């Protein structure tokens, strides 16, 4: 396993009120009201954590693929995998004993 040589970046976000609260980043570039989605009994007015996770995952994944192509000195444009993974989908499911969050491969 590779040893981490140096920390490049740390994001810090403070949340108050949980799923019915507010999230603010330490640099104030992110400031969102958090709400339960309608499907989970909320008003749906505001951003829910699943949306934030899906946005972050898709952005980080696309960025990582771009870095790999750059390091490989690829001049390829419109990488098909990018087209597939520019959006991410979070699915919240429940059983009698737990909540589960997944990134489904199909709708």
N, C-alpha and C. Protein backbone atom coordinates (compact mmCIF):
# COMPACT_ATOMS: atom_id res chain seq x y z
N UNK A 1 0.84 -1.18 0.00
CA UNK A 1 0.00 0.00 0.00
C UNK A 1 0.89 1.24 0.00
N UNK A 2 0.55 2.22 -0.85
CA UNK A 2 1.33 3.45 -0.93
C UNK A 2 1.12 4.30 0.30
N UNK A 3 2.18 4.96 0.69
CA UNK A 3 2.14 5.87 1.83
C UNK A 3 1.71 7.25 1.35
N UNK A 4 0.80 7.89 2.07
CA UNK A 4 0.39 9.24 1.73
C UNK A 4 1.54 10.18 2.07
N UNK A 5 2.03 10.91 1.07
CA UNK A 5 3.19 11.77 1.27
C UNK A 5 2.82 13.15 1.78
N UNK A 6 1.77 13.73 1.23
CA UNK A 6 1.35 15.04 1.72
C UNK A 6 -0.14 15.23 1.46
N UNK A 7 -0.74 15.97 2.34
CA UNK A 7 -2.15 16.28 2.22
C UNK A 7 -2.29 17.42 1.22
N UNK A 8 -3.14 17.25 0.22
CA UNK A 8 -3.29 18.28 -0.80
C UNK A 8 -4.42 19.27 -0.48
N UNK A 9 -5.49 18.77 0.10
CA UNK A 9 -6.64 19.64 0.33
C UNK A 9 -7.57 18.98 1.32
N UNK A 10 -8.16 19.77 2.18
CA UNK A 10 -9.18 19.28 3.10
C UNK A 10 -10.37 20.21 3.03
N UNK A 11 -11.53 19.67 2.77
CA UNK A 11 -12.76 20.46 2.76
C UNK A 11 -13.42 20.32 4.12
N UNK A 12 -13.91 21.44 4.63
CA UNK A 12 -14.59 21.43 5.92
C UNK A 12 -15.97 22.06 5.75
N UNK A 13 -16.99 21.32 6.14
CA UNK A 13 -18.36 21.81 6.08
C UNK A 13 -19.01 21.55 7.43
N UNK A 14 -19.62 22.58 7.98
CA UNK A 14 -20.34 22.45 9.24
C UNK A 14 -21.83 22.36 8.96
N UNK A 15 -22.48 21.43 9.63
CA UNK A 15 -23.93 21.23 9.47
C UNK A 15 -24.59 21.43 10.82
N UNK A 16 -25.65 22.21 10.82
CA UNK A 16 -26.48 22.38 12.01
C UNK A 16 -27.90 22.02 11.65
N UNK A 17 -28.52 21.20 12.45
CA UNK A 17 -29.90 20.82 12.21
C UNK A 17 -30.07 19.57 11.38
N UNK A 18 -28.98 18.90 11.02
CA UNK A 18 -29.06 17.65 10.27
C UNK A 18 -29.77 17.80 8.94
N UNK A 19 -30.66 16.86 8.65
CA UNK A 19 -31.37 16.85 7.37
C UNK A 19 -32.41 17.96 7.25
N UNK A 20 -32.65 18.67 8.31
CA UNK A 20 -33.58 19.79 8.27
C UNK A 20 -32.86 21.02 8.82
N UNK A 21 -31.67 21.27 8.27
CA UNK A 21 -30.84 22.34 8.80
C UNK A 21 -30.13 23.11 7.71
N UNK A 22 -28.88 23.41 7.96
CA UNK A 22 -28.08 24.20 7.05
C UNK A 22 -26.66 23.67 7.03
N UNK A 23 -26.04 23.69 5.83
CA UNK A 23 -24.65 23.28 5.66
C UNK A 23 -23.87 24.48 5.12
N UNK A 24 -22.74 24.79 5.78
CA UNK A 24 -21.91 25.93 5.37
C UNK A 24 -20.46 25.50 5.38
N UNK A 25 -19.77 25.76 4.28
CA UNK A 25 -18.34 25.42 4.21
C UNK A 25 -17.53 26.46 4.96
N UNK A 26 -16.32 26.07 5.37
CA UNK A 26 -15.47 26.96 6.15
C UNK A 26 -15.08 28.22 5.38
N UNK A 27 -15.09 28.16 4.04
CA UNK A 27 -14.77 29.34 3.24
C UNK A 27 -16.02 30.09 2.78
N UNK A 28 -17.19 29.62 3.22
CA UNK A 28 -18.50 30.21 2.88
C UNK A 28 -18.86 30.13 1.41
N UNK A 29 -18.14 29.35 0.61
CA UNK A 29 -18.51 29.18 -0.79
C UNK A 29 -19.71 28.26 -0.95
N UNK A 30 -19.97 27.44 0.04
CA UNK A 30 -21.14 26.56 0.04
C UNK A 30 -22.00 26.94 1.22
N UNK A 31 -23.24 27.24 0.93
CA UNK A 31 -24.20 27.54 2.00
C UNK A 31 -25.57 27.09 1.50
N UNK A 32 -26.04 25.98 2.00
CA UNK A 32 -27.30 25.42 1.51
C UNK A 32 -28.22 25.04 2.67
N UNK A 33 -29.51 25.24 2.43
CA UNK A 33 -30.53 24.75 3.34
C UNK A 33 -30.74 23.28 3.04
N UNK A 34 -30.74 22.46 4.06
CA UNK A 34 -30.94 21.02 3.90
C UNK A 34 -32.38 20.66 4.27
N UNK A 35 -32.99 19.84 3.44
CA UNK A 35 -34.35 19.39 3.69
C UNK A 35 -34.48 17.93 3.27
N UNK A 36 -35.39 17.23 3.93
CA UNK A 36 -35.75 15.89 3.50
C UNK A 36 -36.41 16.00 2.13
N UNK A 37 -36.15 15.05 1.22
CA UNK A 37 -36.88 15.05 -0.04
C UNK A 37 -38.34 14.68 0.21
N UNK A 38 -39.21 15.07 -0.71
CA UNK A 38 -40.64 14.75 -0.58
C UNK A 38 -40.85 13.25 -0.40
N UNK A 39 -40.04 12.46 -1.12
CA UNK A 39 -40.20 11.01 -1.07
C UNK A 39 -39.93 10.43 0.31
N UNK A 40 -39.23 11.19 1.16
CA UNK A 40 -38.95 10.73 2.53
C UNK A 40 -39.74 11.53 3.56
N UNK A 41 -40.82 12.17 3.10
CA UNK A 41 -41.70 12.87 4.03
C UNK A 41 -41.38 14.33 4.26
N UNK A 42 -40.43 14.88 3.51
CA UNK A 42 -40.08 16.28 3.69
C UNK A 42 -40.81 17.20 2.73
N UNK A 43 -40.51 18.48 2.83
CA UNK A 43 -41.14 19.47 1.95
C UNK A 43 -40.54 19.44 0.55
N UNK A 44 -39.29 18.98 0.45
CA UNK A 44 -38.63 18.99 -0.84
C UNK A 44 -38.08 20.35 -1.21
N UNK A 45 -38.26 21.33 -0.33
CA UNK A 45 -37.79 22.69 -0.59
C UNK A 45 -36.41 22.86 0.00
N UNK A 46 -35.41 22.69 -0.79
CA UNK A 46 -34.04 22.76 -0.33
C UNK A 46 -33.27 21.59 -0.89
N UNK A 47 -32.01 21.55 -0.60
CA UNK A 47 -31.13 20.50 -1.08
C UNK A 47 -31.11 19.37 -0.06
N UNK A 48 -31.08 18.13 -0.56
CA UNK A 48 -30.96 17.03 0.38
C UNK A 48 -29.55 16.44 0.29
N UNK A 49 -29.09 15.78 1.35
CA UNK A 49 -27.73 15.25 1.37
C UNK A 49 -27.42 14.30 0.22
N UNK A 50 -28.40 13.55 -0.25
CA UNK A 50 -28.17 12.63 -1.38
C UNK A 50 -27.78 13.41 -2.63
N UNK A 51 -28.41 14.56 -2.85
CA UNK A 51 -28.06 15.38 -4.01
C UNK A 51 -26.63 15.89 -3.89
N UNK A 52 -26.25 16.32 -2.70
CA UNK A 52 -24.89 16.82 -2.49
C UNK A 52 -23.86 15.71 -2.70
N UNK A 53 -24.16 14.52 -2.18
CA UNK A 53 -23.24 13.40 -2.35
C UNK A 53 -23.11 13.03 -3.82
N UNK A 54 -24.23 12.95 -4.54
CA UNK A 54 -24.19 12.59 -5.95
C UNK A 54 -23.40 13.62 -6.76
N UNK A 55 -23.59 14.90 -6.47
CA UNK A 55 -22.86 15.96 -7.18
C UNK A 55 -21.36 15.85 -6.90
N UNK A 56 -21.00 15.66 -5.65
CA UNK A 56 -19.59 15.54 -5.30
C UNK A 56 -18.94 14.31 -5.92
N UNK A 57 -19.65 13.19 -5.89
CA UNK A 57 -19.11 11.95 -6.45
C UNK A 57 -18.88 12.11 -7.94
N UNK A 58 -19.88 12.62 -8.67
CA UNK A 58 -19.75 12.77 -10.12
C UNK A 58 -18.62 13.73 -10.47
N UNK A 59 -18.51 14.85 -9.76
CA UNK A 59 -17.47 15.83 -10.04
C UNK A 59 -16.08 15.26 -9.75
N UNK A 60 -15.92 14.57 -8.64
CA UNK A 60 -14.62 14.00 -8.29
C UNK A 60 -14.23 12.90 -9.26
N UNK A 61 -15.18 12.07 -9.64
CA UNK A 61 -14.87 10.97 -10.56
C UNK A 61 -14.44 11.52 -11.92
N UNK A 62 -15.19 12.49 -12.44
CA UNK A 62 -14.83 13.08 -13.73
C UNK A 62 -13.46 13.76 -13.64
N UNK A 63 -13.20 14.43 -12.54
CA UNK A 63 -11.90 15.07 -12.34
C UNK A 63 -10.77 14.05 -12.31
N UNK A 64 -11.00 12.93 -11.64
CA UNK A 64 -9.97 11.88 -11.57
C UNK A 64 -9.70 11.30 -12.95
N UNK A 65 -10.74 11.07 -13.73
CA UNK A 65 -10.55 10.54 -15.08
C UNK A 65 -9.79 11.54 -15.94
N UNK A 66 -10.08 12.83 -15.80
CA UNK A 66 -9.37 13.87 -16.54
C UNK A 66 -7.90 13.90 -16.16
N UNK A 67 -7.61 13.72 -14.88
CA UNK A 67 -6.22 13.69 -14.42
C UNK A 67 -5.48 12.50 -15.03
N UNK A 68 -6.13 11.36 -15.05
CA UNK A 68 -5.50 10.17 -15.64
C UNK A 68 -5.20 10.41 -17.12
N UNK A 69 -6.17 10.97 -17.85
CA UNK A 69 -5.94 11.23 -19.28
C UNK A 69 -4.80 12.23 -19.47
N UNK A 70 -4.74 13.25 -18.62
CA UNK A 70 -3.66 14.24 -18.70
C UNK A 70 -2.31 13.59 -18.44
N UNK A 71 -2.24 12.76 -17.40
CA UNK A 71 -0.99 12.09 -17.07
C UNK A 71 -0.54 11.13 -18.18
N UNK A 72 -1.51 10.54 -18.85
CA UNK A 72 -1.21 9.64 -19.97
C UNK A 72 -0.97 10.42 -21.27
N UNK A 73 -1.08 11.75 -21.16
CA UNK A 73 -0.90 12.65 -22.30
C UNK A 73 -1.86 12.32 -23.45
N UNK A 74 -3.06 11.93 -23.09
CA UNK A 74 -4.08 11.61 -24.08
C UNK A 74 -4.67 12.90 -24.63
N UNK A 75 -4.85 12.93 -25.93
CA UNK A 75 -5.47 14.08 -26.58
C UNK A 75 -6.94 13.78 -26.90
N UNK A 76 -7.41 12.65 -26.39
CA UNK A 76 -8.76 12.22 -26.67
C UNK A 76 -9.77 13.18 -26.07
N UNK A 77 -10.75 13.55 -26.86
CA UNK A 77 -11.84 14.41 -26.39
C UNK A 77 -13.11 13.58 -26.31
N UNK A 78 -14.01 13.98 -25.44
CA UNK A 78 -15.30 13.29 -25.35
C UNK A 78 -15.18 11.85 -24.93
N UNK A 79 -14.31 11.58 -23.98
CA UNK A 79 -14.11 10.22 -23.46
C UNK A 79 -15.47 9.61 -23.12
N UNK A 80 -15.85 8.46 -23.74
CA UNK A 80 -17.18 7.89 -23.53
C UNK A 80 -17.53 7.66 -22.06
N UNK A 81 -16.54 7.26 -21.24
CA UNK A 81 -16.82 7.02 -19.83
C UNK A 81 -17.27 8.31 -19.15
N UNK A 82 -16.68 9.45 -19.56
CA UNK A 82 -17.10 10.74 -19.00
C UNK A 82 -18.59 10.95 -19.27
N UNK A 83 -19.01 10.66 -20.48
CA UNK A 83 -20.41 10.87 -20.84
C UNK A 83 -21.33 10.02 -19.97
N UNK A 84 -20.88 8.81 -19.65
CA UNK A 84 -21.69 7.92 -18.81
C UNK A 84 -21.75 8.38 -17.37
N UNK A 85 -20.64 8.95 -16.86
CA UNK A 85 -20.54 9.19 -15.43
C UNK A 85 -20.55 10.65 -15.04
N UNK A 86 -21.01 11.53 -15.92
CA UNK A 86 -21.10 12.93 -15.54
C UNK A 86 -22.25 13.17 -14.57
N UNK A 87 -23.11 12.20 -14.44
CA UNK A 87 -24.16 12.32 -13.45
C UNK A 87 -24.12 11.10 -12.56
N UNK A 88 -24.46 11.30 -11.31
CA UNK A 88 -24.50 10.19 -10.36
C UNK A 88 -25.90 10.16 -9.76
N UNK A 89 -26.31 9.01 -9.36
CA UNK A 89 -27.64 8.83 -8.79
C UNK A 89 -27.49 8.20 -7.42
N UNK A 90 -28.09 8.81 -6.43
CA UNK A 90 -28.10 8.25 -5.08
C UNK A 90 -29.46 7.62 -4.85
N UNK A 91 -29.48 6.44 -4.33
CA UNK A 91 -30.75 5.79 -4.01
C UNK A 91 -30.80 5.52 -2.53
N UNK A 92 -31.86 5.95 -1.88
CA UNK A 92 -32.07 5.68 -0.47
C UNK A 92 -33.11 4.59 -0.35
N UNK A 93 -32.78 3.53 0.36
CA UNK A 93 -33.73 2.44 0.58
C UNK A 93 -33.79 2.13 2.07
N UNK A 94 -34.84 1.48 2.46
CA UNK A 94 -34.98 1.15 3.87
C UNK A 94 -35.51 -0.27 4.02
N UNK A 95 -35.06 -0.93 5.07
CA UNK A 95 -35.63 -2.21 5.47
C UNK A 95 -36.16 -1.99 6.89
N UNK A 96 -36.61 -3.02 7.51
CA UNK A 96 -37.14 -2.85 8.86
C UNK A 96 -36.07 -2.46 9.86
N UNK A 97 -34.79 -2.71 9.52
CA UNK A 97 -33.76 -2.46 10.51
C UNK A 97 -32.67 -1.46 10.10
N UNK A 98 -32.65 -1.03 8.83
CA UNK A 98 -31.58 -0.11 8.45
C UNK A 98 -31.93 0.72 7.23
N UNK A 99 -31.20 1.83 7.10
CA UNK A 99 -31.26 2.67 5.91
C UNK A 99 -30.02 2.36 5.10
N UNK A 100 -30.13 2.46 3.81
CA UNK A 100 -29.02 2.12 2.95
C UNK A 100 -28.91 3.15 1.83
N UNK A 101 -27.69 3.56 1.50
CA UNK A 101 -27.48 4.49 0.40
C UNK A 101 -26.57 3.83 -0.60
N UNK A 102 -26.97 3.83 -1.85
CA UNK A 102 -26.18 3.18 -2.90
C UNK A 102 -26.07 4.09 -4.11
N UNK A 103 -25.09 3.80 -4.93
CA UNK A 103 -24.95 4.45 -6.24
C UNK A 103 -25.35 3.40 -7.26
N UNK A 104 -26.62 3.37 -7.66
CA UNK A 104 -27.07 2.32 -8.58
C UNK A 104 -26.47 2.49 -9.96
N UNK A 105 -26.25 1.39 -10.65
CA UNK A 105 -25.69 1.44 -11.99
C UNK A 105 -26.77 1.70 -13.02
N UNK A 106 -28.01 1.43 -12.69
CA UNK A 106 -29.13 1.68 -13.62
C UNK A 106 -30.25 2.36 -12.85
N UNK A 107 -31.09 3.06 -13.60
CA UNK A 107 -32.21 3.81 -12.99
C UNK A 107 -33.17 2.93 -12.24
